[in-house]
Protein backbone atom coordinates (compact mmCIF):
# COMPACT_ATOMS: atom_id res chain seq x y z
CA UNK A 1 -0.03 0.01 -0.04
CA UNK A 2 2.83 2.39 0.85
CA UNK A 3 4.09 2.11 -2.71
CA UNK A 4 0.60 2.86 -4.15
CA UNK A 5 0.17 5.81 -6.53
CA UNK A 6 -2.82 7.06 -4.58
CA UNK A 7 -0.90 7.29 -1.34
CA UNK A 8 2.01 9.07 -2.97
CA UNK A 9 -0.41 11.55 -4.64
CA UNK A 10 -2.18 12.12 -1.26
CA UNK A 11 1.16 12.74 0.36
CA UNK A 12 2.13 15.19 -2.47
CA UNK A 13 -1.13 17.10 -2.14
CA UNK A 14 -0.72 17.23 1.64
CA UNK A 15 2.75 18.68 1.29
CA UNK A 16 1.44 21.26 -1.24
CA UNK A 17 -1.45 22.26 1.04
CA UNK A 18 0.84 22.47 4.06
CA UNK A 19 3.30 24.64 2.17
CA UNK A 20 0.33 26.73 1.06
CA UNK A 21 -0.68 27.16 4.64
CA UNK A 22 2.81 28.27 5.50
CA UNK A 23 2.88 30.76 2.64
CA UNK A 24 -0.55 32.05 3.45
CA UNK A 25 0.40 32.48 7.15
CA UNK A 26 3.55 34.35 6.27
CA UNK A 27 1.67 36.70 3.89
CA UNK A 28 -1.14 37.20 6.37
CA UNK A 29 1.22 37.87 9.23
CA UNK A 30 3.20 40.38 7.10
CA UNK A 31 0.21 42.32 5.81
CA UNK A 32 -1.53 42.30 9.18
CA UNK A 33 1.60 43.59 10.93
CA UNK A 34 1.94 46.32 8.25
CA UNK A 35 -1.65 47.33 8.58
CA UNK A 36 -1.51 47.58 12.41
CA UNK A 37 1.75 49.48 12.36
CA UNK A 38 0.25 51.95 9.82
CA UNK A 39 -2.87 52.22 12.01
CA UNK A 40 -0.75 52.95 15.16
CA UNK A 41 1.41 55.36 13.25
CA UNK A 42 -1.67 57.27 12.08
CA UNK A 43 -3.00 57.41 15.62
CA UNK A 44 0.36 58.71 17.00
CA UNK A 45 0.62 61.18 14.12
CA UNK A 46 -2.89 62.54 14.67
CA UNK A 47 -2.37 62.85 18.52
CA UNK A 48 0.91 64.76 17.88
CA UNK A 49 -0.79 67.04 15.47
CA UNK A 50 -3.67 67.71 17.88
CA UNK A 51 -1.04 68.68 20.64
CA UNK A 52 0.75 70.99 18.17
CA UNK A 53 -2.55 72.72 17.58
CA UNK A 54 -3.06 72.94 21.33
CA UNK A 55 0.33 74.73 21.62
CA UNK A 56 -0.65 77.22 18.94
CA UNK A 57 -3.94 77.98 20.58
CA UNK A 58 -3.05 77.69 24.38
CA UNK A 59 0.72 78.10 24.34
CA UNK A 60 3.29 75.99 26.21
CA UNK A 61 1.16 75.85 29.48
CA UNK A 62 -1.73 74.43 27.52
CA UNK A 63 0.44 71.60 25.97
CA UNK A 64 2.01 70.94 29.30
CA UNK A 65 -1.28 70.51 31.01
CA UNK A 66 -2.65 68.29 28.17
CA UNK A 67 0.41 65.99 28.26
CA UNK A 68 0.11 65.60 32.03
CA UNK A 69 -3.54 64.82 31.90
CA UNK A 70 -3.27 62.35 29.02
CA UNK A 71 -0.26 60.67 30.46
CA UNK A 72 -2.32 59.82 33.62
CA UNK A 73 -5.24 58.44 31.56
CA UNK A 74 -5.35 54.63 31.44
CA UNK A 75 -5.12 52.98 28.05
CA UNK A 76 -3.95 56.17 26.31
CA UNK A 77 -0.81 56.68 24.37
CA UNK A 78 2.54 57.52 25.84
CA UNK A 79 3.59 61.18 25.96
CA UNK A 80 6.65 63.22 26.79
CA UNK A 81 7.78 66.85 26.85
CA UNK A 82 11.45 67.91 26.84
CA UNK A 83 13.08 71.33 27.30
CA UNK A 84 15.35 72.94 24.71
CA UNK A 85 18.33 71.27 26.26
CA UNK A 86 16.81 67.81 26.35
CA UNK A 87 15.82 67.93 30.09
CA UNK A 88 12.62 66.08 30.98
CA UNK A 89 9.68 68.49 31.55
CA UNK A 90 6.62 66.10 31.63
CA UNK A 91 5.39 62.69 30.67
CA UNK A 92 6.75 59.22 30.68
CA UNK A 93 8.72 59.71 27.50
CA UNK A 94 10.33 62.91 28.67
CA UNK A 95 13.48 61.26 29.92
CA UNK A 96 16.36 60.89 27.57
CA UNK A 97 17.24 62.90 24.48
CA UNK A 98 14.82 61.85 21.66
CA UNK A 99 15.83 62.46 18.00
CA UNK A 100 13.36 64.20 15.75
CA UNK A 101 11.03 62.05 13.66
CA UNK A 102 10.25 58.39 14.21
CA UNK A 103 12.40 56.20 16.55
CA UNK A 104 11.98 53.16 18.63
CA UNK A 105 12.65 53.35 22.42
CA UNK A 106 13.83 50.03 23.89
CA UNK A 107 14.54 49.29 27.53
CA UNK A 108 18.00 48.24 28.80
CA UNK A 109 19.11 44.64 28.29
CA UNK A 110 17.16 42.31 30.63
CA UNK A 111 14.34 44.73 31.06
CA UNK A 112 10.96 43.22 30.19
CA UNK A 113 9.48 46.66 29.24
CA UNK A 114 7.89 46.68 25.80
CA UNK A 115 9.51 48.73 22.99
CA UNK A 116 7.77 51.94 22.18
CA UNK A 117 7.55 53.46 18.70
CA UNK A 118 7.60 57.25 19.13
CA UNK A 119 7.31 60.41 17.04
CA UNK A 120 9.23 63.49 18.13
CA UNK A 121 8.36 66.97 16.86
CA UNK A 122 9.96 70.35 17.73
CA UNK A 123 7.73 73.07 19.07
CA UNK A 124 8.42 76.70 17.97
CA UNK A 125 10.03 77.66 21.30
CA UNK A 126 12.53 74.79 21.17
CA UNK A 127 10.77 72.29 23.38
CA UNK A 128 10.20 68.76 21.95
CA UNK A 129 6.86 67.00 22.00
CA UNK A 130 7.01 63.15 22.07
CA UNK A 131 4.04 60.81 21.35
CA UNK A 132 4.46 57.03 21.19
CA UNK A 133 2.75 53.68 21.57
CA UNK A 134 3.84 50.36 22.76
CA UNK A 135 4.16 47.62 20.12
CA UNK A 136 2.80 45.05 22.48
CA UNK A 137 -0.55 44.77 20.74
CA UNK A 138 1.16 44.00 17.42
CA UNK A 139 3.32 41.36 19.04
CA UNK A 140 0.30 39.76 20.76
CA UNK A 141 -1.51 39.64 17.51
CA UNK A 142 1.51 38.14 15.82
CA UNK A 143 1.54 35.47 18.44
CA UNK A 144 -2.14 34.70 17.93
CA UNK A 145 -1.73 34.50 14.15
CA UNK A 146 1.34 32.27 14.58
CA UNK A 147 -0.44 29.89 16.94
CA UNK A 148 -3.58 29.81 14.62
CA UNK A 149 -1.56 28.95 11.54
CA UNK A 150 0.55 26.39 13.47
CA UNK A 151 -2.63 24.57 14.36
CA UNK A 152 -3.95 24.96 10.81
CA UNK A 153 -0.68 23.45 9.53
CA UNK A 154 -0.85 20.54 11.96
CA UNK A 155 -4.57 19.97 11.01
CA UNK A 156 -3.73 19.94 7.27
CA UNK A 157 -0.90 17.42 7.83
CA UNK A 158 -3.05 15.22 10.04
CA UNK A 159 -6.12 15.31 7.78
CA UNK A 160 -3.94 14.89 4.65
CA UNK A 161 -2.23 11.83 6.12
CA UNK A 162 -5.42 10.28 7.40
CA UNK A 163 -7.32 11.08 4.25
CA UNK A 164 -4.50 9.82 2.06
CA UNK A 165 -4.33 6.63 4.01
CA UNK A 166 -8.08 6.09 3.74
CA UNK A 167 -8.15 6.93 0.05
CA UNK A 168 -5.28 4.73 -0.65
CA UNK A 169 -6.91 1.77 1.13
CA UNK A 170 -10.11 2.28 -0.82
CA UNK A 171 -8.38 2.72 -4.20
CA UNK A 172 -6.07 -0.24 -3.41
CA UNK A 173 -9.06 -2.49 -2.59
CA UNK A 174 -10.90 -1.56 -5.73
CA UNK A 175 -7.80 -1.84 -7.95
CA UNK A 176 -7.23 -5.20 -6.27
CA UNK A 177 -10.75 -6.30 -7.28
CA UNK A 178 -9.98 -5.40 -10.93
CA UNK A 179 -6.60 -7.16 -10.74
CA UNK A 180 -8.22 -10.25 -9.10
CA UNK A 181 -10.81 -10.30 -11.88
CA UNK A 182 -8.13 -10.19 -14.55
CA UNK A 183 -6.18 -13.01 -12.92
CA UNK A 184 -9.32 -15.08 -12.70
CA UNK A 185 -9.99 -14.55 -16.37
CA UNK A 186 -6.35 -15.44 -17.17
CA UNK A 187 -6.94 -18.68 -15.33
CA UNK A 188 -10.01 -19.41 -17.46
CA UNK A 189 -12.92 -18.11 -15.47
CA UNK A 190 -14.58 -15.95 -18.18
CA UNK A 191 -17.70 -15.42 -16.06
CA UNK A 192 -16.01 -13.24 -13.52
CA UNK A 193 -16.84 -9.52 -13.50
CA UNK A 194 -15.45 -6.51 -11.72
CA UNK A 195 -17.78 -5.39 -8.90
CA UNK A 196 -19.42 -1.97 -9.47
CA UNK A 197 -20.37 0.17 -6.39
CA UNK A 198 -22.72 2.56 -8.29
CA UNK A 199 -20.80 5.65 -7.20
CA UNK A 200 -20.23 6.75 -10.82
CA UNK A 201 -16.67 7.78 -10.07
CA UNK A 202 -13.64 7.15 -12.27
CA UNK A 203 -13.03 3.63 -10.93
CA UNK A 204 -16.65 2.75 -11.36
CA UNK A 205 -16.68 3.87 -14.98
CA UNK A 206 -13.45 1.91 -15.53
CA UNK A 207 -15.19 -1.22 -13.98
CA UNK A 208 -18.23 -0.77 -16.23
CA UNK A 209 -16.01 -0.42 -19.29
CA UNK A 210 -13.90 -3.35 -18.21
CA UNK A 211 -17.02 -5.49 -17.76
CA UNK A 212 -18.40 -4.51 -21.20
CA UNK A 213 -15.01 -5.52 -22.68
CA UNK A 214 -15.30 -8.91 -20.84
CA UNK A 215 -18.87 -9.31 -22.03
CA UNK A 216 -17.72 -8.68 -25.61
CA UNK A 217 -14.82 -11.11 -25.24
CA UNK A 218 -17.21 -13.73 -23.78
CA UNK A 219 -19.59 -13.19 -26.63
CA UNK A 220 -16.83 -13.66 -29.19
CA UNK A 221 -15.50 -16.69 -27.42
CA UNK A 222 -19.02 -18.27 -27.42
CA UNK A 223 -19.37 -17.37 -31.03
CA UNK A 224 -16.01 -18.99 -31.79
CA UNK A 225 -17.09 -22.16 -30.01
CA UNK A 226 -20.34 -22.14 -31.75
CA UNK A 227 -18.70 -21.65 -35.12
CA UNK A 228 -16.24 -24.47 -34.43
CA UNK A 229 -19.08 -26.74 -33.48
CA UNK A 230 -21.17 -25.75 -36.45
CA UNK A 231 -18.21 -26.22 -38.87
CA UNK A 232 -17.47 -29.69 -37.43
CA UNK A 233 -21.10 -30.62 -37.66
CA UNK A 234 -22.27 -29.11 -40.88
CA UNK A 235 -19.22 -29.67 -43.00
CA UNK A 236 -19.03 -33.35 -42.09
CA UNK A 237 -21.71 -34.28 -44.71
CA UNK A 238 -20.24 -32.43 -47.70
CA UNK A 239 -16.76 -33.65 -46.89
CA UNK A 240 -18.00 -37.21 -46.56
CA UNK A 241 -19.83 -36.85 -49.92
CA UNK A 242 -16.63 -35.46 -51.46
CA UNK A 243 -14.69 -38.44 -50.27
CA UNK A 244 -17.28 -40.84 -51.66
CA UNK A 245 -17.18 -39.20 -55.07
CA UNK A 246 -13.45 -39.48 -55.18
CA UNK A 247 -13.57 -43.07 -54.05
CA UNK A 248 -16.16 -43.83 -56.72
CA UNK A 249 -14.01 -42.30 -59.34
CA UNK A 250 -11.00 -44.24 -58.14
CA UNK A 251 -12.96 -47.55 -58.23
CA UNK A 252 -14.51 -46.90 -61.67
CA UNK A 253 -12.07 -45.02 -63.91
CA UNK A 254 -14.74 -44.72 -66.58
CA UNK A 255 -16.73 -42.53 -64.14
CA UNK A 256 -13.75 -40.46 -62.98
CA UNK A 257 -14.72 -37.37 -65.04
CA UNK A 258 -18.16 -37.30 -63.57
CA UNK A 259 -16.85 -37.93 -60.05
CA UNK A 260 -14.30 -35.12 -60.40
CA UNK A 261 -16.91 -32.73 -61.68
CA UNK A 262 -19.10 -33.53 -58.62
CA UNK A 263 -16.10 -33.20 -56.29
CA UNK A 264 -15.36 -29.68 -57.67
CA UNK A 265 -18.90 -28.73 -57.07
CA UNK A 266 -18.74 -29.93 -53.50
CA UNK A 267 -15.51 -28.08 -53.02
CA UNK A 268 -17.03 -24.83 -54.30
CA UNK A 269 -19.87 -25.27 -51.84
CA UNK A 270 -17.47 -25.81 -49.00
CA UNK A 271 -15.36 -22.72 -49.98
CA UNK A 272 -18.48 -20.63 -50.17
CA UNK A 273 -19.42 -21.77 -46.69
CA UNK A 274 -16.01 -20.89 -45.28
CA UNK A 275 -16.15 -17.49 -47.07
CA UNK A 276 -19.52 -16.78 -45.54
CA UNK A 277 -18.28 -17.74 -42.06
CA UNK A 278 -15.26 -15.54 -42.42
CA UNK A 279 -17.40 -12.62 -43.52
CA UNK A 280 -19.70 -13.07 -40.60
CA UNK A 281 -16.66 -13.18 -38.21
CA UNK A 282 -15.34 -9.96 -39.72
CA UNK A 283 -18.69 -8.23 -39.31
CA UNK A 284 -19.12 -9.43 -35.75
CA UNK A 285 -15.58 -8.28 -34.90
CA UNK A 286 -16.56 -4.78 -35.99
CA UNK A 287 -13.77 -4.59 -38.57
CA UNK A 288 -16.03 -2.92 -41.10
CA UNK A 289 -17.00 0.05 -39.12
CA UNK A 290 -14.25 2.09 -40.69
CA UNK A 291 -16.19 1.98 -44.02
CA UNK A 292 -19.33 3.64 -42.46
CA UNK A 293 -20.67 6.67 -44.32
CA UNK A 294 -24.07 8.16 -45.07
CA UNK A 295 -25.99 5.88 -47.52
CA UNK A 296 -29.50 5.75 -48.91
CA UNK A 297 -31.54 2.64 -48.09
CA UNK A 298 -33.96 3.49 -50.86
CA UNK A 299 -31.22 3.50 -53.47
CA UNK A 300 -29.84 0.19 -52.13
CA UNK A 301 -33.28 -1.40 -52.23
CA UNK A 302 -33.87 -0.19 -55.84
CA UNK A 303 -30.55 -1.70 -56.93
CA UNK A 304 -31.22 -5.04 -55.28
CA UNK A 305 -34.78 -5.31 -56.64
CA UNK A 306 -33.61 -4.37 -60.17
CA UNK A 307 -30.94 -7.11 -59.95
CA UNK A 308 -33.33 -9.81 -58.83
CA UNK A 309 -36.38 -8.78 -61.06
CA UNK A 310 -35.33 -10.89 -64.09
CA UNK A 311 -34.87 -14.18 -62.19
CA UNK A 312 -38.11 -13.50 -60.20
CA UNK A 313 -40.00 -13.03 -63.50
CA UNK A 314 -38.52 -16.21 -64.87
CA UNK A 315 -39.80 -18.11 -61.82
CA UNK A 316 -43.23 -16.31 -62.19
CA UNK A 317 -42.73 -14.53 -58.93
CA UNK A 318 -43.72 -10.89 -58.37
CA UNK A 319 -40.96 -8.71 -56.80
CA UNK A 320 -42.00 -5.11 -55.96
CA UNK A 321 -40.36 -2.10 -54.35
CA UNK A 322 -41.97 0.59 -52.18
CA UNK A 323 -39.39 3.22 -51.32
CA UNK A 324 -39.89 6.58 -49.61
CA UNK A 325 -36.59 8.03 -50.62
CA UNK A 326 -34.13 9.12 -49.77
CA UNK A 327 -33.82 7.07 -46.56
CA UNK A 328 -30.47 8.06 -45.18
CA UNK A 329 -28.62 6.06 -42.47
CA UNK A 330 -24.88 5.77 -41.34
CA UNK A 331 -23.48 2.47 -42.48
CA UNK A 332 -21.46 0.35 -44.88
CA UNK A 333 -23.33 0.39 -48.18
CA UNK A 334 -21.70 -2.87 -49.39
CA UNK A 335 -22.81 -4.77 -46.24
CA UNK A 336 -26.30 -3.30 -46.26
CA UNK A 337 -26.63 -4.40 -49.94
CA UNK A 338 -25.40 -7.86 -48.97
CA UNK A 339 -27.91 -8.06 -46.11
CA UNK A 340 -30.83 -7.07 -48.45
CA UNK A 341 -29.61 -9.51 -51.13
CA UNK A 342 -29.67 -12.31 -48.53
CA UNK A 343 -33.18 -11.45 -47.42
CA UNK A 344 -34.56 -11.11 -50.97
CA UNK A 345 -32.72 -14.31 -52.08
CA UNK A 346 -34.17 -16.18 -49.05
CA UNK A 347 -37.71 -15.11 -49.89
CA UNK A 348 -37.42 -16.01 -53.54
CA UNK A 349 -35.86 -19.41 -52.76
CA UNK A 350 -38.46 -20.47 -50.25
CA UNK A 351 -41.63 -19.28 -51.99
CA UNK A 352 -43.18 -20.93 -54.99
CA UNK A 353 -44.41 -19.69 -58.35
CA UNK A 354 -46.93 -16.91 -58.16
CA UNK A 355 -45.56 -15.65 -54.82
CA UNK A 356 -45.40 -11.98 -54.11
CA UNK A 357 -42.33 -10.46 -52.49
CA UNK A 358 -42.37 -6.85 -51.46
CA UNK A 359 -39.32 -4.75 -50.46
CA UNK A 360 -40.01 -1.58 -48.42
CA UNK A 361 -37.57 1.24 -47.54
CA UNK A 362 -39.05 4.18 -45.64
CA UNK A 363 -38.41 6.66 -42.87
CA UNK A 364 -39.96 6.12 -39.51
CA UNK A 365 -40.13 8.35 -36.36
CA UNK A 366 -36.69 8.25 -34.87
CA UNK A 367 -35.14 6.09 -37.60
CA UNK A 368 -35.60 4.11 -40.76
CA UNK A 369 -37.09 0.77 -41.81
CA UNK A 370 -35.98 -1.80 -44.36
CA UNK A 371 -38.30 -4.82 -44.82
CA UNK A 372 -38.86 -7.80 -46.98
CA UNK A 373 -42.31 -9.49 -46.99
CA UNK A 374 -43.53 -12.61 -48.83
CA UNK A 375 -46.75 -14.72 -48.91
CA UNK A 376 -44.97 -18.04 -48.83
CA UNK A 377 -45.17 -20.78 -46.17
CA UNK A 378 -43.43 -18.54 -43.61
CA UNK A 379 -41.45 -19.71 -40.55
CA UNK A 380 -43.09 -21.29 -37.43
CA UNK A 381 -43.01 -18.90 -34.45
CA UNK A 382 -40.98 -21.29 -32.32
CA UNK A 383 -38.19 -21.31 -34.95
CA UNK A 384 -37.99 -17.70 -35.87
CA UNK A 385 -35.20 -16.83 -33.49
CA UNK A 386 -33.18 -19.99 -34.42
CA UNK A 387 -33.20 -19.38 -38.21
CA UNK A 388 -30.86 -16.42 -37.46
CA UNK A 389 -28.22 -18.85 -36.16
CA UNK A 390 -25.47 -20.21 -38.34
CA UNK A 391 -26.23 -23.29 -40.35
CA UNK A 392 -29.81 -23.63 -38.99
CA UNK A 393 -32.31 -24.64 -41.63
CA UNK A 394 -35.94 -25.64 -41.48
CA UNK A 395 -36.60 -29.31 -42.06
CA UNK A 396 -38.47 -28.57 -45.35
CA UNK A 397 -35.52 -26.43 -46.61
CA UNK A 398 -32.86 -29.13 -46.33
CA UNK A 399 -33.43 -30.21 -49.94
CA UNK A 400 -33.06 -26.65 -51.32
CA UNK A 401 -29.63 -25.14 -52.14
CA UNK A 402 -27.89 -23.13 -49.43
CA UNK A 403 -25.69 -23.38 -46.38
CA UNK A 404 -27.91 -21.86 -43.70
CA UNK A 405 -25.79 -18.73 -43.31
CA UNK A 406 -27.78 -16.15 -45.25
CA UNK A 407 -29.96 -15.02 -42.44
CA UNK A 408 -27.17 -15.28 -39.93
CA UNK A 409 -25.08 -12.96 -42.09
CA UNK A 410 -28.02 -10.47 -42.32
CA UNK A 411 -28.44 -10.60 -38.54
CA UNK A 412 -24.69 -9.83 -38.15
CA UNK A 413 -24.88 -6.86 -40.51
CA UNK A 414 -27.98 -5.52 -38.65
CA UNK A 415 -26.20 -5.79 -35.27
CA UNK A 416 -23.12 -4.05 -36.61
CA UNK A 417 -25.32 -1.12 -37.70
CA UNK A 418 -27.15 -0.96 -34.33
CA UNK A 419 -30.31 -2.14 -36.05
CA UNK A 420 -32.92 -4.58 -34.83
CA UNK A 421 -33.98 -7.49 -37.01
CA UNK A 422 -37.38 -9.05 -36.44
CA UNK A 423 -39.07 -11.96 -38.09
CA UNK A 424 -42.93 -11.57 -38.00
CA UNK A 425 -45.92 -13.39 -39.27
CA UNK A 426 -47.18 -11.93 -42.52
CA UNK A 427 -50.39 -14.13 -42.56
CA UNK A 428 -49.56 -15.78 -44.85
CA UNK A 429 -45.80 -15.73 -45.34
CA UNK A 430 -42.94 -14.02 -43.52
CA UNK A 431 -42.13 -10.36 -42.76
CA UNK A 432 -38.51 -9.45 -42.00
CA UNK A 433 -38.14 -6.00 -40.47
CA UNK A 434 -34.84 -4.27 -40.01
CA UNK A 435 -35.30 -1.16 -37.88
CA UNK A 436 -32.50 1.46 -37.77
CA UNK A 437 -32.43 3.87 -34.84
């Protein structure tokens, strides 16, 4: 804990605050002392000016009487009056020759008397008037300020050390939880998650982000396991069939050409399956987000319908388009085109002659809609979520061409674009809705 970054930062901040208190104390002490000294000087100067006026109006006797009265008044300033030769005439400050102007009168060494700051002015007849004040009040205030800031300094240090230790313990505990979760995941426990306190602070946001990353990794790992299982299960049949064709060609040389042609067909089917799986993996990994730009769903739908119209007409199927364009979304136009191709191709493949397939692209409140609707046999409600899985095919569709990856790829493209894909009953037939936020 004593090597933790949080404790070092707390110690640094404590030192900075303590130094700030010291600097603030020094500045406050200096400015306060200067203000008090100026205040005392103004008082002494005003009193001296008043006595000078007294001399001008009442003469020397008036000043002498005023000095004697004020010198006896408790709590007043200190006064003195000296003759032209420096002899004491009246007042506490009359003894000793005082230089003109400001000076400080200190007692002899060992004397506990306070120093007096005094102002000496010359009267017209040669006498000297002295007015002063003890600096005791300034020194008392200095002591109070020093003691106050000493306690403040001690309080800052104590609070800083205590707060830093408490903060370090809390941060250390929470970082330990993150580290423990990471170690558990390294050991294979992919279900572990970092605890979130709900305080919405930096570490809480880090924990939420970390957990989202773990959820994403867990999803990808599950997807990888599922793909591995699906590949092992669904490619066993075409690989077995390929081996049988090659063995038949080896056993009957006269049928080798036919067996080789069938083997090449099987290989093409296997390669198409792997290409589709790789494409789905790339989409689910988010690698195609860099190609996102503003694209028009209405234009994409028009292109796909135009491409499939001749083959639909040959099979006596009716393919129509209803587009309220432009319908703009942010996405990868190539992937969106592939998604719609898969949906239209799926509808054409699983509906018979005379079927009607409608493609719709329109704006909706808060987003956009792309849908494909047919009046074919549809998909049972219990199987609608499963047909979006890799390699899943309805029992009645196992005799038709395909690998069972078309709708899975469409679902992956929709998820990449933040869209929701829904399979609904069209009564009769199937309605596939892709809603973009």
